[in-house]
Amino acid sequence: VKITPYNTLGVAGSESTAWIYVPYPPIPSRVSGLELDLGADGEANATTWTGKDVKIKWRQASFTLSTEINDTEPNGAEYGANDEYLKDYKVAVYKSDGTLLREEYVTTTSYIYTFEKNFEDAAKRAESPYRTVSFKVWARGKQNQISEQAATL
């Protein structure tokens, strides 16, 4: 930044230069608590789904607010507050052999892989809808920086 002072008569003084450090935006923390959403809280410990749609959920990621419970929730959002640096979440769906089926961005802490999406993804490969899929979820900041590790289910 260059600054030029002026006196009350409008005469310019000598120019000064000041260097300002602008830090790079922080990388979002890893999403935690990724699990199947089978209904009420605490009932999502299963690894298989039986319905038509697959519903998943996770804890809200946070740059600035943090709560730690037995060192298992680093950088999790405190009291459910929204983080001003968080833009959304990237959700990737894979079939059992690791083939990427789709990627979507969501602003909530949940995602539903509907039967219709499943059918569409399978039809592109001339296959039947999948009963075995996996998910990866990343947090994304407002400058499009992505968390270094994905939460996997």
Protein backbone atom coordinates (compact mmCIF):
# COMPACT_ATOMS: atom_id res chain seq x y z
CA VAL A 1 0.00 0.00 0.00
CA LYS A 2 1.35 3.41 -0.89
CA ILE A 3 0.25 6.43 1.12
CA THR A 4 0.70 10.07 0.14
CA PRO A 5 -0.07 12.64 2.84
CA TYR A 6 -1.54 16.04 1.93
CA ASN A 7 -1.53 19.14 4.13
CA THR A 8 -4.47 21.54 4.50
CA LEU A 9 -3.25 23.55 1.50
CA GLY A 10 -3.30 20.44 -0.72
CA VAL A 11 0.47 20.11 -0.97
CA ALA A 12 1.60 16.49 -1.21
CA GLY A 13 4.22 15.16 1.17
CA SER A 14 6.60 12.30 0.53
CA GLU A 15 5.07 8.98 -0.38
CA SER A 16 5.31 6.08 2.11
CA THR A 17 5.01 2.37 1.39
CA ALA A 18 3.56 -0.15 3.83
CA TRP A 19 3.44 -3.89 3.27
CA ILE A 20 0.34 -5.70 4.46
CA TYR A 21 0.23 -9.46 4.83
CA VAL A 22 -3.06 -11.00 3.73
CA PRO A 23 -3.12 -14.65 4.81
CA TYR A 24 -4.34 -17.32 2.44
CA PRO A 25 -7.81 -18.57 3.37
CA PRO A 26 -7.69 -21.51 5.77
CA ILE A 27 -8.31 -25.00 4.47
CA PRO A 28 -11.57 -26.39 5.87
CA SER A 29 -11.28 -29.07 8.48
CA ARG A 30 -12.27 -32.65 7.75
CA VAL A 31 -15.97 -33.46 7.97
CA SER A 32 -16.70 -35.63 11.00
CA GLY A 33 -19.55 -37.83 12.13
CA LEU A 34 -20.52 -39.15 8.67
CA GLU A 35 -23.19 -41.82 9.15
CA LEU A 36 -26.37 -43.26 7.70
CA ASP A 37 -29.44 -41.31 8.71
CA LEU A 38 -31.87 -44.00 9.79
CA GLY A 39 -34.15 -41.81 11.85
CA ALA A 40 -33.76 -40.49 15.39
CA ASP A 41 -30.35 -39.46 16.73
CA GLY A 42 -28.24 -42.38 17.89
CA GLU A 43 -29.84 -44.88 15.55
CA ALA A 44 -27.41 -44.47 12.69
CA ASN A 45 -24.81 -47.05 13.64
CA ALA A 46 -25.81 -49.49 10.90
CA THR A 47 -23.82 -49.83 7.68
CA THR A 48 -26.62 -51.02 5.40
CA TRP A 49 -29.75 -49.30 4.18
CA THR A 50 -33.02 -51.00 3.40
CA GLY A 51 -35.24 -48.31 1.92
CA LYS A 52 -35.52 -46.81 -1.50
CA ASP A 53 -33.26 -43.81 -0.79
CA VAL A 54 -29.92 -43.62 1.03
CA LYS A 55 -29.84 -40.82 3.60
CA ILE A 56 -26.57 -39.71 5.18
CA LYS A 57 -25.69 -36.97 7.65
CA TRP A 58 -22.60 -35.48 9.31
CA ARG A 59 -21.56 -32.82 11.79
CA GLN A 60 -21.19 -29.26 10.64
CA ALA A 61 -17.60 -28.35 9.76
CA SER A 62 -16.14 -25.16 11.17
CA PHE A 63 -13.08 -22.97 10.63
CA THR A 64 -13.54 -20.72 13.65
CA LEU A 65 -15.78 -22.48 16.16
CA SER A 66 -14.62 -25.68 17.77
CA THR A 67 -15.82 -28.21 20.31
CA GLU A 68 -13.87 -31.24 21.39
CA ILE A 69 -15.51 -34.25 22.99
CA ASN A 70 -12.89 -36.75 24.14
CA ASP A 71 -10.67 -35.50 21.30
CA THR A 72 -13.04 -36.97 18.71
CA GLU A 73 -14.59 -33.84 17.26
CA PRO A 74 -11.78 -31.46 16.33
CA ASN A 75 -13.02 -28.32 14.61
CA GLY A 76 -16.66 -29.33 14.83
CA ALA A 77 -19.12 -26.47 14.99
CA GLU A 78 -19.97 -25.24 18.45
CA TYR A 79 -23.68 -25.05 19.28
CA GLY A 80 -24.66 -25.55 15.63
CA ALA A 81 -23.47 -22.07 14.62
CA ASN A 82 -22.90 -21.30 10.95
CA ASP A 83 -19.32 -20.59 10.03
CA GLU A 84 -18.88 -17.48 7.89
CA TYR A 85 -15.99 -19.08 5.94
CA LEU A 86 -17.83 -22.29 5.01
CA LYS A 87 -19.49 -22.33 1.58
CA ASP A 88 -20.89 -25.87 1.30
CA TYR A 89 -20.05 -29.58 1.22
CA LYS A 90 -18.92 -31.69 -1.71
CA VAL A 91 -20.57 -35.13 -1.74
CA ALA A 92 -19.26 -37.88 -4.02
CA VAL A 93 -21.07 -41.18 -4.57
CA TYR A 94 -19.14 -44.29 -5.66
CA LYS A 95 -20.21 -47.76 -6.68
CA SER A 96 -18.61 -50.77 -4.97
CA ASP A 97 -15.68 -51.01 -7.41
CA GLY A 98 -14.69 -47.38 -6.74
CA THR A 99 -16.22 -45.87 -9.89
CA LEU A 100 -17.42 -42.31 -9.30
CA LEU A 101 -21.17 -42.11 -9.94
CA ARG A 102 -21.83 -38.45 -9.16
CA GLU A 103 -20.63 -35.36 -7.31
CA GLU A 104 -22.92 -32.75 -5.84
CA TYR A 105 -22.57 -29.71 -3.58
CA VAL A 106 -25.00 -29.22 -0.70
CA THR A 107 -25.34 -26.47 1.89
CA THR A 108 -26.87 -28.65 4.61
CA THR A 109 -25.27 -31.37 6.75
CA SER A 110 -27.21 -34.15 5.07
CA TYR A 111 -27.62 -35.72 1.65
CA ILE A 112 -30.17 -38.06 0.10
CA TYR A 113 -29.09 -40.35 -2.71
CA THR A 114 -32.58 -40.91 -4.08
CA PHE A 115 -33.67 -43.94 -6.02
CA GLU A 116 -34.13 -41.65 -9.02
CA LYS A 117 -30.48 -40.52 -8.86
CA ASN A 118 -29.40 -44.13 -8.36
CA PHE A 119 -31.46 -45.25 -11.36
CA GLU A 120 -30.06 -42.43 -13.51
CA ASP A 121 -26.45 -43.26 -12.55
CA ALA A 122 -26.99 -46.97 -13.26
CA ALA A 123 -28.74 -46.31 -16.59
CA LYS A 124 -25.68 -44.36 -17.82
CA ARG A 125 -23.72 -47.60 -17.46
CA ALA A 126 -26.51 -49.93 -18.67
CA GLU A 127 -26.75 -51.46 -15.17
CA SER A 128 -29.43 -51.99 -12.55
CA PRO A 129 -29.72 -49.57 -9.62
CA TYR A 130 -27.02 -50.13 -7.00
CA ARG A 131 -27.54 -51.61 -3.54
CA THR A 132 -23.90 -51.08 -2.52
CA VAL A 133 -22.56 -47.54 -2.70
CA SER A 134 -20.07 -45.49 -0.72
CA PHE A 135 -19.83 -41.79 0.00
CA LYS A 136 -17.07 -39.23 0.49
CA VAL A 137 -17.80 -35.78 1.90
CA TRP A 138 -15.49 -32.72 1.96
CA ALA A 139 -16.07 -29.25 3.39
CA ARG A 140 -15.56 -26.37 0.93
CA GLY A 141 -14.67 -22.79 1.88
CA LYS A 142 -15.86 -19.63 0.17
CA GLN A 143 -12.66 -19.39 -1.88
CA ASN A 144 -13.25 -22.97 -3.15
CA GLN A 145 -10.62 -24.52 -0.91
CA ILE A 146 -11.48 -28.16 -0.10
CA SER A 147 -10.69 -30.08 3.09
CA GLU A 148 -7.59 -32.22 2.64
CA GLN A 149 -9.25 -35.49 3.68
CA ALA A 150 -12.74 -36.72 2.95
CA ALA A 151 -15.02 -38.33 5.46
CA THR A 152 -15.86 -41.77 4.07
CA LEU A 153 -18.87 -44.02 4.53
